[in-house]
Amino acid sequence: MCRRSLIMILILLVYFVPAFGQDNSLHSKARDVFDELSEGKLTLHFFNALNGEGISNADVNIEQVGDLKSDAEGRVLFTSPIDNGTLKVSFRAKGYVSSEFTIELMAGTIFFNRFSVSPSLLRGQIRIVLDWDRNPPDLDAHLVKQGAYHISYRDMRTSSDGQAQLDHDATTGYGPETITISSIDAGGSYDFFVHNFTDRNAANSLNLSESKAAVKVFSSQGLIKVYHITPEIIGRYWKVFRIEHGEVADVGEITN
């Protein structure tokens, strides 16, 4: 398909798809691709981890690119200095946790360009945020405090001790799924995992590992951990990390 024809199709998606009730994530994705093709730039998109809305007027610095401002939809467009490799990104916005992370570029495109950022946290609070691509539509975040509670979309919205809650649930792809722990029990043991609810009956599915899922752990001090799922592994559960004695310990297992 020629470049001009592709741009015309994207124009239809950007300007006419919303009228037919399609989801905003698809519209946003089409808009990103349209702008990248028409302007020859790449797009990063920043979202509020509590409600999924774009974060405007954020200060974003990209390595070898410079300082940028996010637009009304939470996007920054930029020309990449490299086609393959990684670039460091820093994010600053009033009312949000300052964050630093890396983006991966492959053949001149960003491997994954959506980042949900936590609003500011109080000292001692932890916020866990799951983002992924459009498919599978429904990934679920789970937090288990051993011997106490299990937080997910189904089991409990708020823990029995009132110290943790599910803030945001997503069922049509992309995320975010967000859980906040108000106070960590120093003597407690917590497990965080992701379940591929869409393919819950498909034992041989690769869809979870191919979802580009990423989990970010925020504190009042900043973005303290980022986990990316390993591709090409069969499994419906991604055991991401454990918190013991107040410390986050990596797990990173995909199982059935």
Protein backbone atom coordinates (compact mmCIF):
# COMPACT_ATOMS: atom_id res chain seq x y z
CA MET A 1 0.00 0.00 0.00
CA CYS A 2 1.43 3.38 -0.96
CA ARG A 3 2.12 6.05 1.66
CA ARG A 4 -0.57 8.39 0.28
CA SER A 5 -3.27 5.70 0.43
CA LEU A 6 -2.32 4.79 3.99
CA ILE A 7 -2.51 8.43 5.07
CA MET A 8 -6.00 8.74 3.51
CA ILE A 9 -7.21 5.67 5.45
CA LEU A 10 -5.81 7.11 8.67
CA ILE A 11 -7.55 10.43 8.01
CA LEU A 12 -10.85 8.52 7.92
CA LEU A 13 -10.01 6.78 11.20
CA VAL A 14 -8.95 9.97 12.93
CA TYR A 15 -11.92 12.11 11.90
CA PHE A 16 -14.80 9.70 11.33
CA VAL A 17 -14.30 6.62 13.54
CA PRO A 18 -15.29 8.43 16.79
CA ALA A 19 -18.70 9.21 15.32
CA PHE A 20 -19.41 5.49 15.12
CA GLY A 21 -18.62 4.91 18.79
CA GLN A 22 -15.25 3.19 18.45
CA ASP A 23 -13.04 3.26 21.54
CA ASN A 24 -10.78 6.24 22.16
CA SER A 25 -7.66 4.06 22.33
CA LEU A 26 -8.08 2.98 18.71
CA HIS A 27 -8.69 6.58 17.70
CA SER A 28 -5.58 7.72 19.60
CA LYS A 29 -3.46 4.99 17.99
CA ALA A 30 -4.64 5.96 14.51
CA ARG A 31 -3.95 9.60 15.29
CA ASP A 32 -0.39 8.76 16.37
CA VAL A 33 0.32 6.82 13.19
CA PHE A 34 -1.22 9.56 11.03
CA ASP A 35 0.93 12.25 12.62
CA GLU A 36 4.05 10.11 12.39
CA LEU A 37 3.51 9.44 8.69
CA SER A 38 2.54 12.99 7.79
CA GLU A 39 5.24 14.73 9.86
CA GLY A 40 7.94 12.07 9.77
CA LYS A 41 8.11 11.94 13.57
CA LEU A 42 7.63 9.42 16.37
CA THR A 43 5.10 9.70 19.19
CA LEU A 44 5.24 9.13 22.95
CA HIS A 45 1.93 9.23 24.82
CA PHE A 46 1.61 9.84 28.58
CA PHE A 47 -1.47 8.92 30.63
CA ASN A 48 -2.74 9.45 34.17
CA ALA A 49 -2.48 6.05 35.88
CA LEU A 50 -5.66 6.67 37.90
CA ASN A 51 -8.06 7.48 35.07
CA GLY A 52 -6.30 6.81 31.75
CA GLU A 53 -6.52 10.44 30.58
CA GLY A 54 -3.68 12.12 28.68
CA ILE A 55 -1.26 14.27 30.70
CA SER A 56 -0.89 17.70 29.10
CA ASN A 57 1.86 20.30 29.53
CA ALA A 58 4.39 17.81 30.91
CA ASP A 59 8.12 18.44 30.57
CA VAL A 60 9.70 15.56 28.67
CA ASN A 61 13.40 15.24 27.94
CA ILE A 62 14.56 12.66 25.40
CA GLU A 63 18.23 11.74 25.16
CA GLN A 64 19.90 13.28 22.07
CA VAL A 65 16.64 15.08 21.25
CA GLY A 66 16.14 17.67 23.99
CA ASP A 67 13.26 19.20 25.93
CA LEU A 68 9.64 18.82 24.79
CA LYS A 69 6.13 19.63 26.07
CA SER A 70 3.22 17.18 25.92
CA ASP A 71 0.13 18.39 24.05
CA ALA A 72 -3.52 18.38 25.18
CA GLU A 73 -3.72 14.62 24.56
CA GLY A 74 -0.53 13.88 26.46
CA ARG A 75 1.59 13.34 23.35
CA VAL A 76 5.07 14.44 22.34
CA LEU A 77 6.27 14.11 18.75
CA PHE A 78 9.97 13.94 17.99
CA THR A 79 12.53 12.97 15.38
CA SER A 80 14.65 10.08 16.61
CA PRO A 81 18.43 10.33 16.29
CA ILE A 82 18.70 6.54 15.98
CA ASP A 83 16.85 3.73 14.18
CA ASN A 84 17.76 0.93 16.59
CA GLY A 85 18.67 0.96 20.26
CA THR A 86 17.44 2.73 23.39
CA LEU A 87 16.98 6.33 24.47
CA LYS A 88 16.63 7.67 28.00
CA VAL A 89 13.47 9.66 28.76
CA SER A 90 12.68 11.83 31.78
CA PHE A 91 9.14 12.97 32.64
CA ARG A 92 8.18 15.88 34.90
CA ALA A 93 4.69 17.32 35.46
CA LYS A 94 3.00 19.16 38.30
CA GLY A 95 1.05 16.73 40.44
CA TYR A 96 2.80 13.61 39.09
CA VAL A 97 5.68 11.41 40.20
CA SER A 98 8.87 12.37 38.36
CA SER A 99 9.97 9.41 36.26
CA GLU A 100 12.94 8.25 34.24
CA PHE A 101 12.87 5.27 31.88
CA THR A 102 14.14 4.06 28.51
CA ILE A 103 12.36 3.52 25.21
CA GLU A 104 13.40 0.90 22.67
CA LEU A 105 13.57 1.68 18.95
CA MET A 106 13.47 -1.01 16.29
CA ALA A 107 13.81 -0.21 12.58
CA GLY A 108 12.98 3.43 13.20
CA THR A 109 9.84 2.83 15.26
CA ILE A 110 9.16 2.77 19.01
CA PHE A 111 8.56 -0.74 20.31
CA PHE A 112 5.94 0.56 22.78
CA ASN A 113 4.98 4.22 23.10
CA ARG A 114 2.34 4.36 25.86
CA PHE A 115 3.32 5.25 29.44
CA SER A 116 0.93 5.65 32.35
CA VAL A 117 2.39 7.84 35.11
CA SER A 118 1.31 7.96 38.74
CA PRO A 119 -0.07 11.12 40.31
CA SER A 120 1.96 12.26 43.32
CA LEU A 121 2.17 9.88 46.26
CA LEU A 122 2.60 10.37 49.99
CA ARG A 123 5.62 8.97 51.75
CA GLY A 124 5.19 5.23 52.29
CA GLN A 125 2.68 4.75 49.47
CA ILE A 126 3.34 2.41 46.54
CA ARG A 127 1.46 2.47 43.23
CA ILE A 128 1.65 -0.39 40.71
CA VAL A 129 0.66 0.31 37.09
CA LEU A 130 0.15 -2.16 34.24
CA ASP A 131 0.17 -1.04 30.59
CA TRP A 132 0.01 -3.22 27.48
CA ASP A 133 -0.90 -3.17 23.79
CA ARG A 134 -4.38 -3.54 22.26
CA ASN A 135 -4.37 -7.35 22.52
CA PRO A 136 -5.33 -9.28 24.49
CA PRO A 137 -8.13 -6.89 25.49
CA ASP A 138 -8.38 -7.91 29.14
CA LEU A 139 -5.31 -8.32 31.34
CA ASP A 140 -5.92 -8.16 35.08
CA ALA A 141 -3.62 -6.92 37.83
CA HIS A 142 -3.62 -8.93 41.07
CA LEU A 143 -2.07 -8.11 44.44
CA VAL A 144 -2.02 -10.79 47.15
CA LYS A 145 -0.99 -10.09 50.72
CA GLN A 146 -0.29 -13.53 52.11
CA GLY A 147 -2.76 -14.53 54.82
CA ALA A 148 -4.73 -11.29 54.46
CA TYR A 149 -6.31 -10.33 51.12
CA HIS A 150 -6.35 -10.67 47.34
CA ILE A 151 -7.06 -7.54 45.31
CA SER A 152 -8.27 -7.82 41.72
CA TYR A 153 -11.26 -6.71 39.63
CA ARG A 154 -13.30 -9.59 41.06
CA ASP A 155 -12.09 -10.49 44.51
CA MET A 156 -11.78 -7.17 46.33
CA ARG A 157 -11.72 -3.55 45.29
CA THR A 158 -10.35 -2.53 48.70
CA SER A 159 -8.30 -4.65 51.09
CA SER A 160 -9.68 -5.83 54.44
CA ASP A 161 -7.28 -3.56 56.34
CA GLY A 162 -8.08 -0.59 54.10
CA GLN A 163 -4.44 -0.20 53.08
CA ALA A 164 -4.68 -1.14 49.38
CA GLN A 165 -7.14 -0.77 46.54
CA LEU A 166 -7.71 -1.29 42.83
CA ASP A 167 -7.85 2.24 41.37
CA HIS A 168 -8.46 1.56 37.69
CA ASP A 169 -9.59 -1.48 35.69
CA ALA A 170 -9.30 -1.76 31.89
CA THR A 171 -11.03 -4.38 29.73
CA THR A 172 -10.49 -3.14 26.15
CA GLY A 173 -6.72 -3.19 25.84
CA TYR A 174 -3.88 -0.77 26.61
CA GLY A 175 -4.61 -0.25 30.31
CA PRO A 176 -3.84 1.15 32.73
CA GLU A 177 -4.65 -1.31 35.49
CA THR A 178 -3.60 0.39 38.72
CA ILE A 179 -3.30 -0.73 42.35
CA THR A 180 -2.24 1.53 45.23
CA ILE A 181 -0.85 0.35 48.58
CA SER A 182 -1.27 3.12 51.14
CA SER A 183 1.05 1.57 53.71
CA ILE A 184 3.41 -1.41 53.40
CA ASP A 185 3.37 -3.85 56.30
CA ALA A 186 7.08 -4.38 57.05
CA GLY A 187 6.30 -7.88 58.27
CA GLY A 188 3.99 -8.75 55.39
CA SER A 189 4.60 -10.62 52.14
CA TYR A 190 2.97 -9.36 48.93
CA ASP A 191 2.83 -10.92 45.47
CA PHE A 192 1.92 -9.02 42.31
CA PHE A 193 0.96 -10.89 39.14
CA VAL A 194 -0.87 -10.34 35.86
CA HIS A 195 -3.55 -12.72 34.56
CA ASN A 196 -4.56 -12.96 30.90
CA PHE A 197 -8.31 -13.02 31.52
CA THR A 198 -9.12 -12.90 27.80
CA ASP A 199 -7.40 -16.25 27.18
CA ARG A 200 -8.17 -17.77 30.58
CA ASN A 201 -9.28 -21.04 28.96
CA ALA A 202 -6.41 -21.27 26.45
CA ALA A 203 -3.60 -23.12 28.18
CA ASN A 204 -1.23 -22.91 25.21
CA SER A 205 -1.66 -19.20 24.52
CA LEU A 206 1.30 -16.95 23.74
CA ASN A 207 -0.87 -13.83 23.84
CA LEU A 208 0.18 -12.66 27.30
CA SER A 209 3.88 -12.79 26.45
CA GLU A 210 3.23 -11.02 23.13
CA SER A 211 1.15 -8.24 24.73
CA LYS A 212 4.11 -5.85 25.30
CA ALA A 213 2.94 -5.69 28.92
CA ALA A 214 4.94 -3.44 31.23
CA VAL A 215 4.58 -2.96 34.98
CA LYS A 216 5.83 0.17 36.73
CA VAL A 217 6.23 0.59 40.48
CA PHE A 218 6.07 4.16 41.80
CA SER A 219 6.82 5.63 45.21
CA SER A 220 6.89 9.21 46.45
CA GLN A 221 10.55 9.25 45.43
CA GLY A 222 9.94 8.38 41.78
CA LEU A 223 9.67 5.41 39.42
CA ILE A 224 11.53 2.70 41.31
CA LYS A 225 10.99 -0.39 39.12
CA VAL A 226 10.01 -1.16 35.52
CA TYR A 227 9.27 -4.69 34.33
CA HIS A 228 8.77 -5.79 30.71
CA ILE A 229 7.25 -9.14 29.87
CA THR A 230 9.43 -11.68 28.05
CA PRO A 231 8.02 -12.60 24.61
CA GLU A 232 7.43 -16.04 23.10
CA ILE A 233 6.60 -17.86 26.34
CA ILE A 234 3.39 -19.86 26.80
CA GLY A 235 1.38 -18.95 29.88
CA ARG A 236 -1.62 -17.11 31.29
CA TYR A 237 0.02 -15.75 34.48
CA TRP A 238 2.95 -13.37 34.76
CA LYS A 239 4.39 -13.39 38.30
CA VAL A 240 6.10 -10.01 38.26
CA PHE A 241 7.51 -9.27 41.72
CA ARG A 242 7.21 -9.84 45.46
CA ILE A 243 7.44 -7.38 48.35
CA GLU A 244 9.03 -8.78 51.52
CA HIS A 245 10.31 -6.82 54.52
CA GLY A 246 9.34 -3.66 52.63
CA GLU A 247 11.65 -4.45 49.70
CA VAL A 248 10.63 -5.17 46.08
CA ALA A 249 12.15 -8.43 44.79
CA ASP A 250 12.05 -9.45 41.12
CA VAL A 251 10.29 -12.69 40.09
CA GLY A 252 9.51 -12.50 36.36
CA GLU A 253 7.93 -15.92 35.75
CA ILE A 254 5.30 -16.75 33.13
CA THR A 255 3.23 -19.84 33.99
CA ASN A 256 -0.11 -21.53 33.49
